[in-house]
Amino acid sequence: MAVPSAVTQLDTRDGCDAANAVPFYRSWSGITGTTDHFYTTDHDEMNNTIVNSCNTVTFEGTMGVVFRSPTVSATLLYRVYNAPQAL
């Protein structure tokens, strides 16, 4: 399944910088024993993750939008990674 590239419509009232917004994609890994979610603003990264997952990752949709740079009434969002631990 390819990831849709639609961007949510934004209300530009209240100083919202709609041109600075990008979709916030979410997927879920259905591997037995995991409850991992993957989030990204990069359409190609999400599409690559799903296409190359051997049907173990499900696209859940666009969760909303995030801004490329600070804007009015926004909170910073950081990306983190939790590496698997060796057994």
N, C-alpha and C. Protein backbone atom coordinates (compact mmCIF):
# COMPACT_ATOMS: atom_id res chain seq x y z
N MET A 1 0.83 -1.18 0.00
CA MET A 1 0.00 0.00 0.00
C MET A 1 0.87 1.23 0.00
N ALA A 2 0.64 2.11 -0.91
CA ALA A 2 1.38 3.38 -0.95
C ALA A 2 0.75 4.38 0.00
N VAL A 3 1.57 5.25 0.55
CA VAL A 3 1.10 6.27 1.48
C VAL A 3 0.52 7.43 0.70
N PRO A 4 -0.70 7.86 1.03
CA PRO A 4 -1.27 9.03 0.35
C PRO A 4 -0.47 10.28 0.68
N SER A 5 -0.42 11.22 -0.21
CA SER A 5 0.39 12.42 0.00
C SER A 5 -0.45 13.65 0.31
N ALA A 6 -1.72 13.46 0.65
CA ALA A 6 -2.61 14.59 0.94
C ALA A 6 -2.18 15.31 2.21
N VAL A 7 -2.31 16.62 2.21
CA VAL A 7 -2.01 17.44 3.38
C VAL A 7 -3.32 17.96 3.94
N THR A 8 -3.48 17.85 5.25
CA THR A 8 -4.68 18.33 5.91
C THR A 8 -4.83 19.83 5.71
N GLN A 9 -6.05 20.27 5.48
CA GLN A 9 -6.32 21.71 5.35
C GLN A 9 -6.11 22.37 6.71
N LEU A 10 -5.45 23.50 6.74
CA LEU A 10 -5.20 24.22 7.98
C LEU A 10 -5.99 25.51 8.02
N ASP A 11 -6.39 25.88 9.19
CA ASP A 11 -7.06 27.15 9.41
C ASP A 11 -5.98 28.19 9.62
N THR A 12 -5.89 29.18 8.76
CA THR A 12 -4.81 30.16 8.85
C THR A 12 -5.14 31.32 9.79
N ARG A 13 -6.29 31.25 10.46
CA ARG A 13 -6.57 32.26 11.48
C ARG A 13 -5.64 32.02 12.66
N ASP A 14 -5.54 32.96 13.53
CA ASP A 14 -4.72 32.86 14.74
C ASP A 14 -3.24 32.72 14.45
N GLY A 15 -2.79 33.19 13.29
CA GLY A 15 -1.36 33.20 12.99
C GLY A 15 -0.77 31.87 12.58
N CYS A 16 -1.57 30.89 12.21
CA CYS A 16 -1.05 29.59 11.80
C CYS A 16 -0.36 29.72 10.44
N ASP A 17 0.88 29.29 10.37
CA ASP A 17 1.67 29.37 9.14
C ASP A 17 1.46 28.09 8.32
N ALA A 18 0.37 28.01 7.57
CA ALA A 18 0.01 26.81 6.83
C ALA A 18 1.08 26.38 5.83
N ALA A 19 1.80 27.33 5.25
CA ALA A 19 2.84 27.00 4.26
C ALA A 19 4.02 26.29 4.91
N ASN A 20 4.14 26.39 6.23
CA ASN A 20 5.24 25.79 6.98
C ASN A 20 4.88 24.40 7.53
N ALA A 21 3.66 23.92 7.26
CA ALA A 21 3.18 22.67 7.84
C ALA A 21 3.40 21.49 6.89
N VAL A 22 3.69 20.33 7.50
CA VAL A 22 3.84 19.08 6.75
C VAL A 22 3.03 17.99 7.47
N PRO A 23 2.55 16.96 6.74
CA PRO A 23 1.79 15.89 7.37
C PRO A 23 2.66 15.10 8.36
N PHE A 24 2.02 14.59 9.40
CA PHE A 24 2.66 13.76 10.41
C PHE A 24 2.09 12.35 10.28
N TYR A 25 2.85 11.44 9.63
CA TYR A 25 2.39 10.10 9.31
C TYR A 25 2.64 9.13 10.46
N ARG A 26 1.75 8.11 10.57
CA ARG A 26 1.91 7.10 11.62
C ARG A 26 1.68 5.72 11.02
N SER A 27 2.51 4.76 11.44
CA SER A 27 2.31 3.36 11.06
C SER A 27 2.50 2.49 12.30
N TRP A 28 2.10 1.24 12.18
CA TRP A 28 2.17 0.29 13.28
C TRP A 28 2.80 -1.00 12.81
N SER A 29 3.68 -1.56 13.64
CA SER A 29 4.32 -2.83 13.31
C SER A 29 3.51 -3.96 13.92
N GLY A 30 3.06 -4.87 13.06
CA GLY A 30 2.23 -5.98 13.52
C GLY A 30 3.00 -7.25 13.83
N ILE A 31 4.29 -7.15 14.04
CA ILE A 31 5.08 -8.33 14.38
C ILE A 31 4.64 -8.82 15.76
N THR A 32 4.46 -10.13 15.90
CA THR A 32 3.99 -10.71 17.16
C THR A 32 4.86 -10.27 18.33
N GLY A 33 4.21 -9.79 19.38
CA GLY A 33 4.92 -9.39 20.59
C GLY A 33 5.39 -7.95 20.60
N THR A 34 5.10 -7.18 19.55
CA THR A 34 5.51 -5.78 19.53
C THR A 34 4.30 -4.87 19.45
N THR A 35 4.48 -3.68 19.92
CA THR A 35 3.46 -2.65 19.80
C THR A 35 4.13 -1.36 19.34
N ASP A 36 4.97 -1.48 18.36
CA ASP A 36 5.76 -0.34 17.90
C ASP A 36 5.00 0.51 16.90
N HIS A 37 5.09 1.81 17.11
CA HIS A 37 4.58 2.78 16.14
C HIS A 37 5.76 3.53 15.55
N PHE A 38 5.61 3.92 14.31
CA PHE A 38 6.64 4.69 13.63
C PHE A 38 5.98 5.97 13.13
N TYR A 39 6.60 7.10 13.44
CA TYR A 39 6.10 8.41 13.04
C TYR A 39 7.14 9.12 12.20
N THR A 40 6.71 9.83 11.18
CA THR A 40 7.63 10.62 10.37
C THR A 40 6.86 11.70 9.62
N THR A 41 7.58 12.73 9.22
CA THR A 41 7.00 13.76 8.37
C THR A 41 7.45 13.57 6.92
N ASP A 42 8.29 12.59 6.69
CA ASP A 42 8.85 12.34 5.37
C ASP A 42 8.01 11.29 4.63
N HIS A 43 7.29 11.72 3.61
CA HIS A 43 6.42 10.83 2.84
C HIS A 43 7.19 9.65 2.26
N ASP A 44 8.35 9.92 1.67
CA ASP A 44 9.15 8.85 1.05
C ASP A 44 9.65 7.84 2.10
N GLU A 45 10.04 8.33 3.27
CA GLU A 45 10.50 7.43 4.33
C GLU A 45 9.37 6.51 4.79
N MET A 46 8.18 7.06 4.96
CA MET A 46 7.05 6.23 5.39
C MET A 46 6.70 5.22 4.31
N ASN A 47 6.64 5.67 3.07
CA ASN A 47 6.31 4.77 1.97
C ASN A 47 7.34 3.65 1.87
N ASN A 48 8.62 3.97 1.99
CA ASN A 48 9.68 2.97 1.93
C ASN A 48 9.56 1.96 3.07
N THR A 49 9.23 2.43 4.26
CA THR A 49 9.07 1.56 5.42
C THR A 49 7.95 0.55 5.18
N ILE A 50 6.84 1.02 4.64
CA ILE A 50 5.70 0.14 4.41
C ILE A 50 5.96 -0.83 3.26
N VAL A 51 6.47 -0.33 2.17
CA VAL A 51 6.72 -1.16 0.99
C VAL A 51 7.74 -2.26 1.28
N ASN A 52 8.75 -1.96 2.09
CA ASN A 52 9.82 -2.93 2.36
C ASN A 52 9.65 -3.70 3.66
N SER A 53 8.46 -3.70 4.24
CA SER A 53 8.26 -4.35 5.54
C SER A 53 7.77 -5.79 5.45
N CYS A 54 7.60 -6.31 4.26
CA CYS A 54 7.09 -7.68 4.08
C CYS A 54 5.75 -7.86 4.79
N ASN A 55 4.88 -6.85 4.64
CA ASN A 55 3.53 -6.86 5.22
C ASN A 55 3.50 -6.91 6.74
N THR A 56 4.53 -6.41 7.42
CA THR A 56 4.52 -6.36 8.88
C THR A 56 4.22 -4.97 9.41
N VAL A 57 4.19 -3.97 8.53
CA VAL A 57 3.90 -2.59 8.95
C VAL A 57 2.62 -2.13 8.26
N THR A 58 1.72 -1.54 9.03
CA THR A 58 0.45 -1.05 8.52
C THR A 58 0.41 0.46 8.63
N PHE A 59 0.07 1.12 7.54
CA PHE A 59 -0.07 2.57 7.55
C PHE A 59 -1.36 2.91 8.27
N GLU A 60 -1.29 3.79 9.28
CA GLU A 60 -2.48 4.17 10.05
C GLU A 60 -3.04 5.53 9.66
N GLY A 61 -2.29 6.27 8.88
CA GLY A 61 -2.83 7.54 8.40
C GLY A 61 -2.01 8.74 8.80
N THR A 62 -2.56 9.89 8.49
CA THR A 62 -1.94 11.15 8.86
C THR A 62 -2.55 11.59 10.18
N MET A 63 -1.71 11.77 11.18
CA MET A 63 -2.19 12.11 12.53
C MET A 63 -2.45 13.60 12.69
N GLY A 64 -2.04 14.38 11.74
CA GLY A 64 -2.18 15.82 11.80
C GLY A 64 -1.03 16.45 11.04
N VAL A 65 -0.62 17.62 11.45
CA VAL A 65 0.50 18.29 10.81
C VAL A 65 1.47 18.78 11.87
N VAL A 66 2.72 18.94 11.45
CA VAL A 66 3.74 19.57 12.27
C VAL A 66 4.40 20.65 11.42
N PHE A 67 5.05 21.55 12.08
CA PHE A 67 5.68 22.67 11.38
C PHE A 67 7.17 22.45 11.22
N ARG A 68 7.71 22.86 10.08
CA ARG A 68 9.14 22.70 9.79
C ARG A 68 10.01 23.55 10.69
N SER A 69 9.48 24.66 11.15
CA SER A 69 10.23 25.57 12.03
C SER A 69 9.25 26.16 13.04
N PRO A 70 9.76 26.72 14.14
CA PRO A 70 8.87 27.26 15.19
C PRO A 70 7.85 28.24 14.63
N THR A 71 6.64 28.16 15.16
CA THR A 71 5.55 29.05 14.75
C THR A 71 4.71 29.39 15.97
N VAL A 72 3.76 30.25 15.80
CA VAL A 72 2.91 30.72 16.90
C VAL A 72 2.20 29.56 17.59
N SER A 73 2.21 29.55 18.90
CA SER A 73 1.50 28.56 19.72
C SER A 73 1.88 27.12 19.41
N ALA A 74 3.12 26.86 19.09
CA ALA A 74 3.58 25.51 18.76
C ALA A 74 4.61 25.03 19.78
N THR A 75 4.70 23.73 19.94
CA THR A 75 5.68 23.10 20.82
C THR A 75 6.65 22.30 19.97
N LEU A 76 7.92 22.31 20.32
CA LEU A 76 8.92 21.56 19.55
C LEU A 76 8.66 20.06 19.65
N LEU A 77 8.90 19.36 18.56
CA LEU A 77 8.74 17.91 18.51
C LEU A 77 10.08 17.31 18.10
N TYR A 78 10.57 16.35 18.88
CA TYR A 78 11.84 15.71 18.60
C TYR A 78 11.61 14.27 18.19
N ARG A 79 12.48 13.76 17.35
CA ARG A 79 12.42 12.36 16.94
C ARG A 79 13.45 11.58 17.73
N VAL A 80 13.04 10.44 18.30
CA VAL A 80 13.95 9.59 19.06
C VAL A 80 13.87 8.17 18.51
N TYR A 81 14.88 7.40 18.84
CA TYR A 81 14.95 6.01 18.37
C TYR A 81 15.38 5.13 19.55
N ASN A 82 14.68 4.04 19.74
CA ASN A 82 15.01 3.10 20.79
C ASN A 82 15.59 1.84 20.12
N ALA A 83 16.91 1.73 20.19
CA ALA A 83 17.59 0.61 19.53
C ALA A 83 17.26 -0.72 20.22
N PRO A 84 17.11 -1.79 19.45
CA PRO A 84 16.86 -3.10 20.05
C PRO A 84 18.04 -3.51 20.94
N GLN A 85 17.75 -4.21 22.00
CA GLN A 85 18.79 -4.65 22.92
C GLN A 85 19.21 -6.06 22.56
N ALA A 86 20.51 -6.32 22.65
CA ALA A 86 21.03 -7.67 22.35
C ALA A 86 20.60 -8.64 23.45
N LEU A 87 20.30 -9.86 23.04
CA LEU A 87 19.91 -10.89 24.03
C LEU A 87 21.11 -11.58 24.60
